[in-house]
C-alpha atoms as a PDB file:
ATOM      1  CA  MET A   1      86.537  70.945 144.695  1.00  0.00           C
ATOM      2  CA  ALA A   2      86.429  67.259 145.713  1.00  0.00           C
ATOM      3  CA  ALA A   3      83.307  65.398 146.881  1.00  0.00           C
ATOM      4  CA  ASP A   4      84.411  65.623 150.543  1.00  0.00           C
ATOM      5  CA  GLY A   5      84.548  69.423 150.381  1.00  0.00           C
ATOM      6  CA  SER A   6      88.327  69.726 150.251  1.00  0.00           C
ATOM      7  CA  GLU A   7      90.093  71.472 147.430  1.00  0.00           C
ATOM      8  CA  ARG A   8      92.192  69.270 145.213  1.00  0.00           C
ATOM      9  CA  GLU A   9      94.887  70.242 142.749  1.00  0.00           C
ATOM     10  CA  GLU A  10      94.200  68.995 139.288  1.00  0.00           C
ATOM     11  CA  ASP A  11      96.950  68.123 136.864  1.00  0.00           C
ATOM     12  CA  VAL A  12      96.123  70.329 133.910  1.00  0.00           C
ATOM     13  CA  GLY A  13      99.383  69.736 132.042  1.00  0.00           C
ATOM     14  CA  PRO A  14     101.151  72.352 129.994  1.00  0.00           C
ATOM     15  CA  VAL A  15      99.099  75.279 128.785  1.00  0.00           C
ATOM     16  CA  SER A  16     101.043  75.381 125.545  1.00  0.00           C
ATOM     17  CA  SER A  17     104.016  73.660 124.147  1.00  0.00           C
ATOM     18  CA  GLY A  18     106.788  75.337 122.254  1.00  0.00           C
ATOM     19  CA  ASN A  19     110.188  74.669 120.887  1.00  0.00           C
ATOM     20  CA  ILE A  20     112.536  75.948 123.588  1.00  0.00           C
ATOM     21  CA  LEU A  21     116.103  76.104 122.326  1.00  0.00           C
ATOM     22  CA  GLU A  22     119.229  76.792 124.350  1.00  0.00           C
ATOM     23  CA  SER A  23     121.619  77.873 121.611  1.00  0.00           C
ATOM     24  CA  PHE A  24     122.114  78.093 117.874  1.00  0.00           C
ATOM     25  CA  SER A  25     122.999  74.436 117.463  1.00  0.00           C
ATOM     26  CA  GLU A  26     123.014  74.554 113.648  1.00  0.00           C
ATOM     27  CA  SER A  27     125.913  77.004 113.522  1.00  0.00           C
ATOM     28  CA  LYS A  28     128.302  74.597 111.800  1.00  0.00           C
ATOM     29  CA  GLU A  29     125.713  73.488 109.240  1.00  0.00           C
ATOM     30  CA  THR A  30     124.740  77.092 108.540  1.00  0.00           C
ATOM     31  CA  ARG A  31     128.370  78.028 107.947  1.00  0.00           C
ATOM     32  CA  GLU A  32     128.742  75.072 105.560  1.00  0.00           C
ATOM     33  CA  LEU A  33     125.598  76.128 103.665  1.00  0.00           C
ATOM     34  CA  ILE A  34     126.795  79.721 103.263  1.00  0.00           C
ATOM     35  CA  VAL A  35     130.328  78.712 102.269  1.00  0.00           C
ATOM     36  CA  GLY A  36     128.906  76.118  99.872  1.00  0.00           C
ATOM     37  CA  LEU A  37     126.852  78.710  97.998  1.00  0.00           C
ATOM     38  CA  ARG A  38     129.805  79.616  95.798  1.00  0.00           C
ATOM     39  CA  ASP A  39     130.113  76.071  94.448  1.00  0.00           C
ATOM     40  CA  GLY A  40     126.468  75.001  94.556  1.00  0.00           C
ATOM     41  CA  TRP A  41     124.546  78.039  93.319  1.00  0.00           C
ATOM     42  CA  GLY A  42     124.697  77.116  89.621  1.00  0.00           C
ATOM     43  CA  GLU A  43     122.730  73.884  89.858  1.00  0.00           C
ATOM     44  CA  LEU A  44     119.009  74.428  90.436  1.00  0.00           C
ATOM     45  CA  VAL A  45     118.484  71.407  92.692  1.00  0.00           C
ATOM     46  CA  THR A  46     121.478  72.233  94.894  1.00  0.00           C
ATOM     47  CA  ARG A  47     120.454  75.882  95.105  1.00  0.00           C
ATOM     48  CA  GLU A  48     116.926  74.916  96.170  1.00  0.00           C
ATOM     49  CA  VAL A  49     118.208  72.388  98.741  1.00  0.00           C
ATOM     50  CA  TYR A  50     120.556  74.994 100.254  1.00  0.00           C
ATOM     51  CA  THR A  51     117.835  77.641 100.339  1.00  0.00           C
ATOM     52  CA  GLN A  52     115.184  75.355 101.825  1.00  0.00           C
ATOM     53  CA  ARG A  53     117.551  73.995 104.460  1.00  0.00           C
ATOM     54  CA  PHE A  54     118.611  77.530 105.394  1.00  0.00           C
ATOM     55  CA  LEU A  55     114.949  78.560 105.663  1.00  0.00           C
ATOM     56  CA  VAL A  56     114.162  75.570 107.911  1.00  0.00           C
ATOM     57  CA  ILE A  57     117.118  76.363 110.179  1.00  0.00           C
ATOM     58  CA  MET A  58     116.240  80.045 110.449  1.00  0.00           C
ATOM     59  CA  ASP A  59     112.531  79.339 110.972  1.00  0.00           C
ATOM     60  CA  ASN A  60     113.447  77.290 114.062  1.00  0.00           C
ATOM     61  CA  TYR A  61     114.588  80.556 115.662  1.00  0.00           C
ATOM     62  CA  GLN A  62     111.499  82.678 114.919  1.00  0.00           C
ATOM     63  CA  GLU A  63     110.433  82.529 118.573  1.00  0.00           C
ATOM     64  CA  GLN A  64     113.951  82.913 119.986  1.00  0.00           C
ATOM     65  CA  PRO A  65     115.852  85.046 117.476  1.00  0.00           C
ATOM     66  CA  HIS A  66     118.235  86.366 120.144  1.00  0.00           C
ATOM     67  CA  LEU A  67     120.010  82.994 120.004  1.00  0.00           C
ATOM     68  CA  LEU A  68     121.334  84.013 116.588  1.00  0.00           C
ATOM     69  CA  ASP A  69     122.991  87.181 117.916  1.00  0.00           C
ATOM     70  CA  PRO A  70     126.463  85.711 118.648  1.00  0.00           C
ATOM     71  CA  HIS A  71     126.521  84.302 115.105  1.00  0.00           C
ATOM     72  CA  LEU A  72     125.091  87.207 113.104  1.00  0.00           C
ATOM     73  CA  GLU A  73     128.422  88.891 112.506  1.00  0.00           C
ATOM     74  CA  TRP A  74     130.144  85.905 110.869  1.00  0.00           C
ATOM     75  CA  MET A  75     127.026  85.059 108.835  1.00  0.00           C
ATOM     76  CA  LEU A  76     126.802  88.637 107.625  1.00  0.00           C
ATOM     77  CA  ASP A  77     130.540  88.787 106.859  1.00  0.00           C
ATOM     78  CA  LEU A  78     130.468  85.570 104.810  1.00  0.00           C
ATOM     79  CA  LEU A  79     127.439  86.689 102.816  1.00  0.00           C
ATOM     80  CA  LEU A  80     128.743  90.222 102.251  1.00  0.00           C
ATOM     81  CA  ASP A  81     132.070  88.832 101.040  1.00  0.00           C
ATOM     82  CA  LEU A  82     130.095  86.769  98.553  1.00  0.00           C
ATOM     83  CA  VAL A  83     128.023  89.662  97.203  1.00  0.00           C
ATOM     84  CA  ARG A  84     130.926  92.142  97.174  1.00  0.00           C
ATOM     85  CA  ASP A  85     133.197  89.811  95.208  1.00  0.00           C
ATOM     86  CA  LYS A  86     133.445  91.212  91.666  1.00  0.00           C
ATOM     87  CA  SER A  87     133.904  87.674  90.305  1.00  0.00           C
ATOM     88  CA  SER A  88     130.552  86.500  91.757  1.00  0.00           C
ATOM     89  CA  PRO A  89     127.979  85.969  88.999  1.00  0.00           C
ATOM     90  CA  PRO A  90     124.673  87.881  89.318  1.00  0.00           C
ATOM     91  CA  GLY A  91     122.768  84.704  90.279  1.00  0.00           C
ATOM     92  CA  LEU A  92     125.136  84.061  93.178  1.00  0.00           C
ATOM     93  CA  VAL A  93     124.892  87.680  94.310  1.00  0.00           C
ATOM     94  CA  HIS A  94     121.100  87.387  94.237  1.00  0.00           C
ATOM     95  CA  LEU A  95     121.255  84.203  96.316  1.00  0.00           C
ATOM     96  CA  GLY A  96     123.551  85.897  98.829  1.00  0.00           C
ATOM     97  CA  PHE A  97     121.084  88.754  99.201  1.00  0.00           C
ATOM     98  CA  LYS A  98     118.260  86.254  99.562  1.00  0.00           C
ATOM     99  CA  PHE A  99     120.065  84.639 102.510  1.00  0.00           C
ATOM    100  CA  LEU A 100     120.682  88.089 104.033  1.00  0.00           C
ATOM    101  CA  TYR A 101     116.974  88.844 103.714  1.00  0.00           C
ATOM    102  CA  ILE A 102     116.035  85.567 105.414  1.00  0.00           C
ATOM    103  CA  ILE A 103     118.317  86.376 108.354  1.00  0.00           C
ATOM    104  CA  SER A 104     116.919  89.907 108.666  1.00  0.00           C
ATOM    105  CA  LYS A 105     113.368  88.569 108.533  1.00  0.00           C
ATOM    106  CA  VAL A 106     114.037  86.196 111.433  1.00  0.00           C
ATOM    107  CA  ARG A 107     116.169  88.470 113.611  1.00  0.00           C
ATOM    108  CA  GLY A 108     114.473  91.728 112.787  1.00  0.00           C
ATOM    109  CA  TYR A 109     115.805  94.568 110.743  1.00  0.00           C
ATOM    110  CA  LYS A 110     116.708  96.805 113.709  1.00  0.00           C
ATOM    111  CA  ILE A 111     119.250  94.360 115.131  1.00  0.00           C
ATOM    112  CA  PHE A 112     120.397  93.321 111.678  1.00  0.00           C
ATOM    113  CA  LEU A 113     121.035  96.892 110.515  1.00  0.00           C
ATOM    114  CA  ARG A 114     123.322  97.575 113.467  1.00  0.00           C
ATOM    115  CA  LEU A 115     125.742  95.001 112.062  1.00  0.00           C
ATOM    116  CA  PHE A 116     125.306  95.976 108.443  1.00  0.00           C
ATOM    117  CA  PRO A 117     128.044  98.255 107.059  1.00  0.00           C
ATOM    118  CA  HIS A 118     127.075 101.890 106.748  1.00  0.00           C
ATOM    119  CA  GLU A 119     130.075 103.004 104.744  1.00  0.00           C
ATOM    120  CA  VAL A 120     129.962 105.435 101.857  1.00  0.00           C
ATOM    121  CA  VAL A 121     132.125 103.107  99.732  1.00  0.00           C
ATOM    122  CA  ASP A 122     129.206 100.637  99.640  1.00  0.00           C
ATOM    123  CA  VAL A 123     126.767 103.095  98.070  1.00  0.00           C
ATOM    124  CA  HIS A 124     128.267 103.097  94.574  1.00  0.00           C
ATOM    125  CA  PRO A 125     128.279  99.272  94.128  1.00  0.00           C
ATOM    126  CA  VAL A 126     124.682  99.084  95.361  1.00  0.00           C
ATOM    127  CA  LEU A 127     123.573 101.764  92.905  1.00  0.00           C
ATOM    128  CA  GLU A 128     125.457  99.992  90.088  1.00  0.00           C
ATOM    129  CA  MET A 129     123.770  96.724  90.981  1.00  0.00           C
ATOM    130  CA  ILE A 130     120.321  98.315  91.001  1.00  0.00           C
ATOM    131  CA  SER A 131     120.919 100.033  87.673  1.00  0.00           C
ATOM    132  CA  THR A 132     122.035  96.797  85.989  1.00  0.00           C
ATOM    133  CA  GLN A 133     119.090  94.712  87.218  1.00  0.00           C
ATOM    134  CA  ASN A 134     116.695  93.487  84.599  1.00  0.00           C
ATOM    135  CA  PRO A 135     113.137  94.155  85.826  1.00  0.00           C
ATOM    136  CA  ALA A 136     111.877  91.354  83.586  1.00  0.00           C
ATOM    137  CA  ASP A 137     114.145  88.771  85.253  1.00  0.00           C
ATOM    138  CA  HIS A 138     111.766  86.374  86.987  1.00  0.00           C
ATOM    139  CA  GLU A 139     114.438  85.264  89.487  1.00  0.00           C
ATOM    140  CA  VAL A 140     114.904  88.799  90.754  1.00  0.00           C
ATOM    141  CA  ARG A 141     111.294  89.912  90.808  1.00  0.00           C
ATOM    142  CA  ARG A 142     108.624  87.309  91.426  1.00  0.00           C
ATOM    143  CA  MET A 143     105.008  87.985  92.186  1.00  0.00           C
ATOM    144  CA  ASN A 144     103.906  86.848  95.634  1.00  0.00           C
ATOM    145  CA  GLY A 145     100.385  85.768  94.672  1.00  0.00           C
ATOM    146  CA  GLU A 146      98.800  89.085  95.636  1.00  0.00           C
ATOM    147  CA  GLY A 147     100.099  90.938  92.616  1.00  0.00           C
ATOM    148  CA  HIS A 148     102.893  92.597  94.601  1.00  0.00           C
ATOM    149  CA  ALA A 149     106.513  92.325  93.601  1.00  0.00           C
ATOM    150  CA  ASP A 150     108.479  89.917  95.750  1.00  0.00           C
ATOM    151  CA  THR A 151     112.001  91.181  95.244  1.00  0.00           C
ATOM    152  CA  TRP A 152     113.722  88.318  97.042  1.00  0.00           C
ATOM    153  CA  GLY A 153     111.609  85.442  95.777  1.00  0.00           C
ATOM    154  CA  THR A 154     110.648  84.227  99.262  1.00  0.00           C
ATOM    155  CA  GLY A 155     106.892  84.687  99.072  1.00  0.00           C
ATOM    156  CA  THR A 156     106.855  87.843 101.226  1.00  0.00           C
ATOM    157  CA  ARG A 157     107.066  91.519 100.435  1.00  0.00           C
END
């Protein structure tokens, strides 16, 4: 209330600020990162740069994950092609699954699973992959600091 007894509007400004996005503007870069995995996975520095950049891009959409929806199918298809390819080395397959995990973490597993194949033909390769994993391989099973296994090496369970 003002000194003369009248009510006055005060400019309080924004209550909170956020990162409001209109679309998935990093679509082209994300596609290039995923496609580039096949050539860049073998070099540690390149692999880390790709992974960190992908994490930064996906983290931008934590508050608005629905913006990823029109792009989930092609991202999933590219990554599944990578992990299903019999000529892909185990390290590349692991990296492909790591990227899939990052996407599912941002978008949520319920939406993600709707797009994931649920075909019987995929069960056998998954079981083969699990049976051939080396539990002592530090790239496959890292500890997340709390003594829990971090299967994907991202710092979360």
